[in-house]
Amino acid sequence: MALNNKENKIGKGLWISIIWNIWNHRNKIVFKQGKVDLEEIFTLAQLNAWTWMKYKVPHVHFSYNDWNLCPIECIKSIT
């Protein structure tokens, strides 16, 4: 199945958000003697993805709470 431009942009943004948060968490562990916290990584990835979509993708009208509860439906609503 081919992705349209908007779906491709959203997919890339989500991917970058996940990788960015894993990288930042890794740096915290290596350089600041942090501990592995998967919940923190996931929560920050969700927040960063929603923030990115809210400001970069037209027609995003769902709340952060909606995004947390049902991200697939939120994505479908803008594609």
PDB file of N, CA and C in Angstrom:
ATOM      1  N   MET A   1       0.835  -1.173   0.000  1.00  0.00           N
ATOM      2  CA  MET A   1       0.000   0.000   0.000  1.00  0.00           C
ATOM      3  C   MET A   1       0.891   1.252   0.000  1.00  0.00           C
ATOM      4  N   ALA A   2       0.661   2.110  -0.936  1.00  0.00           N
ATOM      5  CA  ALA A   2       1.444   3.339  -1.043  1.00  0.00           C
ATOM      6  C   ALA A   2       0.889   4.397  -0.090  1.00  0.00           C
ATOM      7  N   LEU A   3       1.785   5.180   0.478  1.00  0.00           N
ATOM      8  CA  LEU A   3       1.392   6.251   1.388  1.00  0.00           C
ATOM      9  C   LEU A   3       1.313   7.559   0.625  1.00  0.00           C
ATOM     10  N   ASN A   4       0.316   8.381   0.980  1.00  0.00           N
ATOM     11  CA  ASN A   4       0.264   9.705   0.372  1.00  0.00           C
ATOM     12  C   ASN A   4       1.235  10.618   1.111  1.00  0.00           C
ATOM     13  N   ASN A   5       1.385  11.827   0.647  1.00  0.00           N
ATOM     14  CA  ASN A   5       2.352  12.772   1.232  1.00  0.00           C
ATOM     15  C   ASN A   5       2.114  13.014   2.723  1.00  0.00           C
ATOM     16  N   LYS A   6       0.866  13.226   3.097  1.00  0.00           N
ATOM     17  CA  LYS A   6       0.556  13.518   4.495  1.00  0.00           C
ATOM     18  C   LYS A   6       0.871  12.319   5.383  1.00  0.00           C
ATOM     19  N   GLU A   7       0.483  11.109   4.951  1.00  0.00           N
ATOM     20  CA  GLU A   7       0.766   9.893   5.723  1.00  0.00           C
ATOM     21  C   GLU A   7       2.269   9.673   5.851  1.00  0.00           C
ATOM     22  N   ASN A   8       2.989   9.930   4.786  1.00  0.00           N
ATOM     23  CA  ASN A   8       4.444   9.785   4.791  1.00  0.00           C
ATOM     24  C   ASN A   8       5.080  10.783   5.765  1.00  0.00           C
ATOM     25  N   LYS A   9       4.600  12.020   5.756  1.00  0.00           N
ATOM     26  CA  LYS A   9       5.120  13.056   6.651  1.00  0.00           C
ATOM     27  C   LYS A   9       4.851  12.682   8.110  1.00  0.00           C
ATOM     28  N   ILE A  10       3.656  12.194   8.401  1.00  0.00           N
ATOM     29  CA  ILE A  10       3.304  11.795   9.766  1.00  0.00           C
ATOM     30  C   ILE A  10       4.164  10.611  10.205  1.00  0.00           C
ATOM     31  N   GLY A  11       4.313   9.633   9.341  1.00  0.00           N
ATOM     32  CA  GLY A  11       5.141   8.460   9.668  1.00  0.00           C
ATOM     33  C   GLY A  11       6.576   8.842   9.981  1.00  0.00           C
ATOM     34  N   LYS A  12       7.145   9.719   9.178  1.00  0.00           N
ATOM     35  CA  LYS A  12       8.519  10.173   9.418  1.00  0.00           C
ATOM     36  C   LYS A  12       8.625  10.942  10.735  1.00  0.00           C
ATOM     37  N   GLY A  13       7.653  11.783  11.008  1.00  0.00           N
ATOM     38  CA  GLY A  13       7.662  12.550  12.252  1.00  0.00           C
ATOM     39  C   GLY A  13       7.580  11.650  13.475  1.00  0.00           C
ATOM     40  N   LEU A  14       6.739  10.627  13.414  1.00  0.00           N
ATOM     41  CA  LEU A  14       6.625   9.686  14.530  1.00  0.00           C
ATOM     42  C   LEU A  14       7.924   8.919  14.720  1.00  0.00           C
ATOM     43  N   TRP A  15       8.501   8.470  13.630  1.00  0.00           N
ATOM     44  CA  TRP A  15       9.767   7.726  13.684  1.00  0.00           C
ATOM     45  C   TRP A  15      10.878   8.585  14.303  1.00  0.00           C
ATOM     46  N   ILE A  16      10.984   9.810  13.851  1.00  0.00           N
ATOM     47  CA  ILE A  16      12.010  10.719  14.374  1.00  0.00           C
ATOM     48  C   ILE A  16      11.790  10.979  15.860  1.00  0.00           C
ATOM     49  N   SER A  17      10.543  11.154  16.269  1.00  0.00           N
ATOM     50  CA  SER A  17      10.242  11.380  17.679  1.00  0.00           C
ATOM     51  C   SER A  17      10.696  10.206  18.541  1.00  0.00           C
ATOM     52  N   ILE A  18      10.431   8.997  18.100  1.00  0.00           N
ATOM     53  CA  ILE A  18      10.825   7.803  18.854  1.00  0.00           C
ATOM     54  C   ILE A  18      12.338   7.699  18.946  1.00  0.00           C
ATOM     55  N   ILE A  19      13.019   7.830  17.811  1.00  0.00           N
ATOM     56  CA  ILE A  19      14.477   7.711  17.786  1.00  0.00           C
ATOM     57  C   ILE A  19      15.125   8.822  18.616  1.00  0.00           C
ATOM     58  N   TRP A  20      14.609  10.039  18.511  1.00  0.00           N
ATOM     59  CA  TRP A  20      15.151  11.173  19.262  1.00  0.00           C
ATOM     60  C   TRP A  20      15.071  10.917  20.761  1.00  0.00           C
ATOM     61  N   ASN A  21      13.949  10.404  21.214  1.00  0.00           N
ATOM     62  CA  ASN A  21      13.782  10.156  22.645  1.00  0.00           C
ATOM     63  C   ASN A  21      14.640   9.000  23.137  1.00  0.00           C
ATOM     64  N   ILE A  22      14.807   7.974  22.336  1.00  0.00           N
ATOM     65  CA  ILE A  22      15.710   6.885  22.705  1.00  0.00           C
ATOM     66  C   ILE A  22      17.137   7.414  22.807  1.00  0.00           C
ATOM     67  N   TRP A  23      17.537   8.226  21.842  1.00  0.00           N
ATOM     68  CA  TRP A  23      18.891   8.803  21.837  1.00  0.00           C
ATOM     69  C   TRP A  23      19.125   9.687  23.063  1.00  0.00           C
ATOM     70  N   ASN A  24      18.186  10.561  23.362  1.00  0.00           N
ATOM     71  CA  ASN A  24      18.319  11.445  24.524  1.00  0.00           C
ATOM     72  C   ASN A  24      18.383  10.643  25.823  1.00  0.00           C
ATOM     73  N   HIS A  25      17.572   9.614  25.922  1.00  0.00           N
ATOM     74  CA  HIS A  25      17.574   8.790  27.134  1.00  0.00           C
ATOM     75  C   HIS A  25      18.901   8.040  27.269  1.00  0.00           C
ATOM     76  N   ARG A  26      19.407   7.558  26.157  1.00  0.00           N
ATOM     77  CA  ARG A  26      20.703   6.878  26.150  1.00  0.00           C
ATOM     78  C   ARG A  26      21.795   7.829  26.633  1.00  0.00           C
ATOM     79  N   ASN A  27      21.781   9.073  26.148  1.00  0.00           N
ATOM     80  CA  ASN A  27      22.770  10.063  26.579  1.00  0.00           C
ATOM     81  C   ASN A  27      22.654  10.349  28.070  1.00  0.00           C
ATOM     82  N   LYS A  28      21.430  10.401  28.570  1.00  0.00           N
ATOM     83  CA  LYS A  28      21.217  10.610  30.001  1.00  0.00           C
ATOM     84  C   LYS A  28      21.842   9.467  30.808  1.00  0.00           C
ATOM     85  N   ILE A  29      21.706   8.247  30.319  1.00  0.00           N
ATOM     86  CA  ILE A  29      22.277   7.085  31.001  1.00  0.00           C
ATOM     87  C   ILE A  29      23.804   7.136  30.952  1.00  0.00           C
ATOM     88  N   VAL A  30      24.360   7.415  29.787  1.00  0.00           N
ATOM     89  CA  VAL A  30      25.812   7.387  29.604  1.00  0.00           C
ATOM     90  C   VAL A  30      26.500   8.555  30.299  1.00  0.00           C
ATOM     91  N   PHE A  31      25.967   9.762  30.150  1.00  0.00           N
ATOM     92  CA  PHE A  31      26.676  10.946  30.616  1.00  0.00           C
ATOM     93  C   PHE A  31      26.235  11.464  31.981  1.00  0.00           C
ATOM     94  N   LYS A  32      25.049  11.070  32.422  1.00  0.00           N
ATOM     95  CA  LYS A  32      24.557  11.588  33.700  1.00  0.00           C
ATOM     96  C   LYS A  32      24.192  10.463  34.669  1.00  0.00           C
ATOM     97  N   GLN A  33      24.686   9.272  34.401  1.00  0.00           N
ATOM     98  CA  GLN A  33      24.446   8.101  35.235  1.00  0.00           C
ATOM     99  C   GLN A  33      22.955   7.870  35.502  1.00  0.00           C
ATOM    100  N   GLY A  34      22.144   8.092  34.469  1.00  0.00           N
ATOM    101  CA  GLY A  34      20.709   7.856  34.606  1.00  0.00           C
ATOM    102  C   GLY A  34      20.389   6.370  34.586  1.00  0.00           C
ATOM    103  N   LYS A  35      19.159   6.052  34.837  1.00  0.00           N
ATOM    104  CA  LYS A  35      18.682   4.674  34.827  1.00  0.00           C
ATOM    105  C   LYS A  35      17.736   4.490  33.653  1.00  0.00           C
ATOM    106  N   VAL A  36      17.682   3.267  33.147  1.00  0.00           N
ATOM    107  CA  VAL A  36      16.770   2.956  32.052  1.00  0.00           C
ATOM    108  C   VAL A  36      15.334   3.092  32.559  1.00  0.00           C
ATOM    109  N   ASP A  37      14.535   3.873  31.837  1.00  0.00           N
ATOM    110  CA  ASP A  37      13.140   4.089  32.200  1.00  0.00           C
ATOM    111  C   ASP A  37      12.308   4.059  30.918  1.00  0.00           C
ATOM    112  N   LEU A  38      11.774   2.881  30.594  1.00  0.00           N
ATOM    113  CA  LEU A  38      11.020   2.713  29.353  1.00  0.00           C
ATOM    114  C   LEU A  38       9.752   3.561  29.331  1.00  0.00           C
ATOM    115  N   GLU A  39       9.124   3.713  30.472  1.00  0.00           N
ATOM    116  CA  GLU A  39       7.911   4.532  30.535  1.00  0.00           C
ATOM    117  C   GLU A  39       8.221   5.991  30.193  1.00  0.00           C
ATOM    118  N   GLU A  40       9.347   6.496  30.672  1.00  0.00           N
ATOM    119  CA  GLU A  40       9.755   7.871  30.360  1.00  0.00           C
ATOM    120  C   GLU A  40      10.014   8.028  28.861  1.00  0.00           C
ATOM    121  N   ILE A  41      10.703   7.068  28.271  1.00  0.00           N
ATOM    122  CA  ILE A  41      10.975   7.127  26.829  1.00  0.00           C
ATOM    123  C   ILE A  41       9.665   7.172  26.055  1.00  0.00           C
ATOM    124  N   PHE A  42       8.750   6.276  26.380  1.00  0.00           N
ATOM    125  CA  PHE A  42       7.472   6.189  25.671  1.00  0.00           C
ATOM    126  C   PHE A  42       6.649   7.462  25.850  1.00  0.00           C
ATOM    127  N   THR A  43       6.556   7.943  27.087  1.00  0.00           N
ATOM    128  CA  THR A  43       5.763   9.138  27.375  1.00  0.00           C
ATOM    129  C   THR A  43       6.305  10.359  26.642  1.00  0.00           C
ATOM    130  N   LEU A  44       7.617  10.541  26.672  1.00  0.00           N
ATOM    131  CA  LEU A  44       8.217  11.681  25.974  1.00  0.00           C
ATOM    132  C   LEU A  44       8.085  11.550  24.459  1.00  0.00           C
ATOM    133  N   ALA A  45       8.175  10.336  23.935  1.00  0.00           N
ATOM    134  CA  ALA A  45       7.977  10.131  22.496  1.00  0.00           C
ATOM    135  C   ALA A  45       6.553  10.502  22.102  1.00  0.00           C
ATOM    136  N   GLN A  46       5.577  10.112  22.913  1.00  0.00           N
ATOM    137  CA  GLN A  46       4.177  10.478  22.649  1.00  0.00           C
ATOM    138  C   GLN A  46       3.995  11.998  22.659  1.00  0.00           C
ATOM    139  N   LEU A  47       4.536  12.624  23.673  1.00  0.00           N
ATOM    140  CA  LEU A  47       4.401  14.076  23.804  1.00  0.00           C
ATOM    141  C   LEU A  47       5.075  14.800  22.641  1.00  0.00           C
ATOM    142  N   ASN A  48       6.287  14.408  22.309  1.00  0.00           N
ATOM    143  CA  ASN A  48       7.003  15.059  21.209  1.00  0.00           C
ATOM    144  C   ASN A  48       6.322  14.823  19.870  1.00  0.00           C
ATOM    145  N   ALA A  49       5.805  13.632  19.643  1.00  0.00           N
ATOM    146  CA  ALA A  49       5.103  13.340  18.391  1.00  0.00           C
ATOM    147  C   ALA A  49       3.849  14.203  18.267  1.00  0.00           C
ATOM    148  N   TRP A  50       3.075  14.288  19.353  1.00  0.00           N
ATOM    149  CA  TRP A  50       1.861  15.100  19.322  1.00  0.00           C
ATOM    150  C   TRP A  50       2.193  16.572  19.097  1.00  0.00           C
ATOM    151  N   THR A  51       3.201  17.071  19.804  1.00  0.00           N
ATOM    152  CA  THR A  51       3.598  18.476  19.658  1.00  0.00           C
ATOM    153  C   THR A  51       4.042  18.756  18.226  1.00  0.00           C
ATOM    154  N   TRP A  52       4.835  17.857  17.660  1.00  0.00           N
ATOM    155  CA  TRP A  52       5.299  18.028  16.286  1.00  0.00           C
ATOM    156  C   TRP A  52       4.107  18.071  15.329  1.00  0.00           C
ATOM    157  N   MET A  53       3.173  17.112  15.471  1.00  0.00           N
ATOM    158  CA  MET A  53       2.016  17.082  14.569  1.00  0.00           C
ATOM    159  C   MET A  53       1.161  18.331  14.734  1.00  0.00           C
ATOM    160  N   LYS A  54       0.975  18.767  15.964  1.00  0.00           N
ATOM    161  CA  LYS A  54       0.120  19.925  16.238  1.00  0.00           C
ATOM    162  C   LYS A  54       0.598  21.170  15.492  1.00  0.00           C
ATOM    163  N   TYR A  55       1.908  21.327  15.366  1.00  0.00           N
ATOM    164  CA  TYR A  55       2.450  22.540  14.757  1.00  0.00           C
ATOM    165  C   TYR A  55       2.923  22.375  13.316  1.00  0.00           C
ATOM    166  N   LYS A  56       3.085  21.145  12.851  1.00  0.00           N
ATOM    167  CA  LYS A  56       3.614  20.944  11.497  1.00  0.00           C
ATOM    168  C   LYS A  56       2.618  20.356  10.512  1.00  0.00           C
ATOM    169  N   VAL A  57       1.557  19.754  10.988  1.00  0.00           N
ATOM    170  CA  VAL A  57       0.595  19.098  10.098  1.00  0.00           C
ATOM    171  C   VAL A  57      -0.732  19.847  10.168  1.00  0.00           C
ATOM    172  N   PRO A  58      -1.207  20.337   9.014  1.00  0.00           N
ATOM    173  CA  PRO A  58      -2.495  21.041   9.012  1.00  0.00           C
ATOM    174  C   PRO A  58      -3.637  20.103   9.432  1.00  0.00           C
ATOM    175  N   HIS A  59      -4.661  20.655   9.995  1.00  0.00           N
ATOM    176  CA  HIS A  59      -5.890  19.938  10.358  1.00  0.00           C
ATOM    177  C   HIS A  59      -5.726  18.966  11.524  1.00  0.00           C
ATOM    178  N   VAL A  60      -4.793  19.223  12.406  1.00  0.00           N
ATOM    179  CA  VAL A  60      -4.691  18.430  13.634  1.00  0.00           C
ATOM    180  C   VAL A  60      -5.543  19.150  14.680  1.00  0.00           C
ATOM    181  N   HIS A  61      -6.667  18.536  15.039  1.00  0.00           N
ATOM    182  CA  HIS A  61      -7.601  19.171  15.962  1.00  0.00           C
ATOM    183  C   HIS A  61      -7.870  18.302  17.187  1.00  0.00           C
ATOM    184  N   PHE A  62      -7.067  17.291  17.414  1.00  0.00           N
ATOM    185  CA  PHE A  62      -7.296  16.434  18.572  1.00  0.00           C
ATOM    186  C   PHE A  62      -6.382  16.848  19.719  1.00  0.00           C
ATOM    187  N   SER A  63      -6.828  16.558  20.913  1.00  0.00           N
ATOM    188  CA  SER A  63      -6.077  16.943  22.109  1.00  0.00           C
ATOM    189  C   SER A  63      -4.984  15.920  22.409  1.00  0.00           C
ATOM    190  N   TYR A  64      -4.101  16.301  23.298  1.00  0.00           N
ATOM    191  CA  TYR A  64      -3.052  15.376  23.742  1.00  0.00           C
ATOM    192  C   TYR A  64      -3.672  14.167  24.433  1.00  0.00           C
ATOM    193  N   ASN A  65      -4.741  14.379  25.171  1.00  0.00           N
ATOM    194  CA  ASN A  65      -5.444  13.279  25.834  1.00  0.00           C
ATOM    195  C   ASN A  65      -6.009  12.301  24.805  1.00  0.00           C
ATOM    196  N   ASP A  66      -6.643  12.822  23.752  1.00  0.00           N
ATOM    197  CA  ASP A  66      -7.149  11.954  22.680  1.00  0.00           C
ATOM    198  C   ASP A  66      -6.004  11.171  22.041  1.00  0.00           C
ATOM    199  N   TRP A  67      -4.870  11.843  21.814  1.00  0.00           N
ATOM    200  CA  TRP A  67      -3.694  11.215  21.228  1.00  0.00           C
ATOM    201  C   TRP A  67      -3.206  10.053  22.096  1.00  0.00           C
ATOM    202  N   ASN A  68      -3.199  10.239  23.418  1.00  0.00           N
ATOM    203  CA  ASN A  68      -2.770   9.177  24.330  1.00  0.00           C
ATOM    204  C   ASN A  68      -3.736   8.003  24.328  1.00  0.00           C
ATOM    205  N   LEU A  69      -5.025   8.289  24.249  1.00  0.00           N
ATOM    206  CA  LEU A  69      -6.026   7.234  24.335  1.00  0.00           C
ATOM    207  C   LEU A  69      -6.176   6.441  23.041  1.00  0.00           C
ATOM    208  N   CYS A  70      -6.069   7.118  21.907  1.00  0.00           N
ATOM    209  CA  CYS A  70      -6.336   6.437  20.641  1.00  0.00           C
ATOM    210  C   CYS A  70      -5.528   7.059  19.495  1.00  0.00           C
ATOM    211  N   PRO A  71      -4.216   6.830  19.452  1.00  0.00           N
ATOM    212  CA  PRO A  71      -3.380   7.477  18.431  1.00  0.00           C
ATOM    213  C   PRO A  71      -3.733   7.079  17.000  1.00  0.00           C
ATOM    214  N   ILE A  72      -4.114   5.833  16.784  1.00  0.00           N
ATOM    215  CA  ILE A  72      -4.449   5.388  15.426  1.00  0.00           C
ATOM    216  C   ILE A  72      -5.657   6.159  14.890  1.00  0.00           C
ATOM    217  N   GLU A  73      -6.673   6.317  15.709  1.00  0.00           N
ATOM    218  CA  GLU A  73      -7.861   7.074  15.278  1.00  0.00           C
ATOM    219  C   GLU A  73      -7.514   8.534  15.021  1.00  0.00           C
ATOM    220  N   CYS A  74      -6.619   9.091  15.826  1.00  0.00           N
ATOM    221  CA  CYS A  74      -6.196  10.483  15.612  1.00  0.00           C
ATOM    222  C   CYS A  74      -5.488  10.631  14.273  1.00  0.00           C
ATOM    223  N   ILE A  75      -4.610   9.697  13.975  1.00  0.00           N
ATOM    224  CA  ILE A  75      -3.888   9.744  12.687  1.00  0.00           C
ATOM    225  C   ILE A  75      -4.875   9.605  11.536  1.00  0.00           C
ATOM    226  N   LYS A  76      -5.809   8.699  11.654  1.00  0.00           N
ATOM    227  CA  LYS A  76      -6.821   8.519  10.594  1.00  0.00           C
ATOM    228  C   LYS A  76      -7.631   9.778  10.383  1.00  0.00           C
ATOM    229  N   SER A  77      -7.838  10.545  11.445  1.00  0.00           N
ATOM    230  CA  SER A  77      -8.674  11.742  11.328  1.00  0.00           C
ATOM    231  C   SER A  77      -8.003  12.860  10.514  1.00  0.00           C
ATOM    232  N   ILE A  78      -6.703  12.791  10.333  1.00  0.00           N
ATOM    233  CA  ILE A  78      -6.021  13.853   9.584  1.00  0.00           C
ATOM    234  C   ILE A  78      -5.530  13.402   8.219  1.00  0.00           C
ATOM    235  N   THR A  79      -5.676  12.148   7.888  1.00  0.00           N
ATOM    236  CA  THR A  79      -5.212  11.664   6.574  1.00  0.00           C
ATOM    237  C   THR A  79      -6.310  11.614   5.580  1.00  0.00           C
TER     238      THR A  79
END
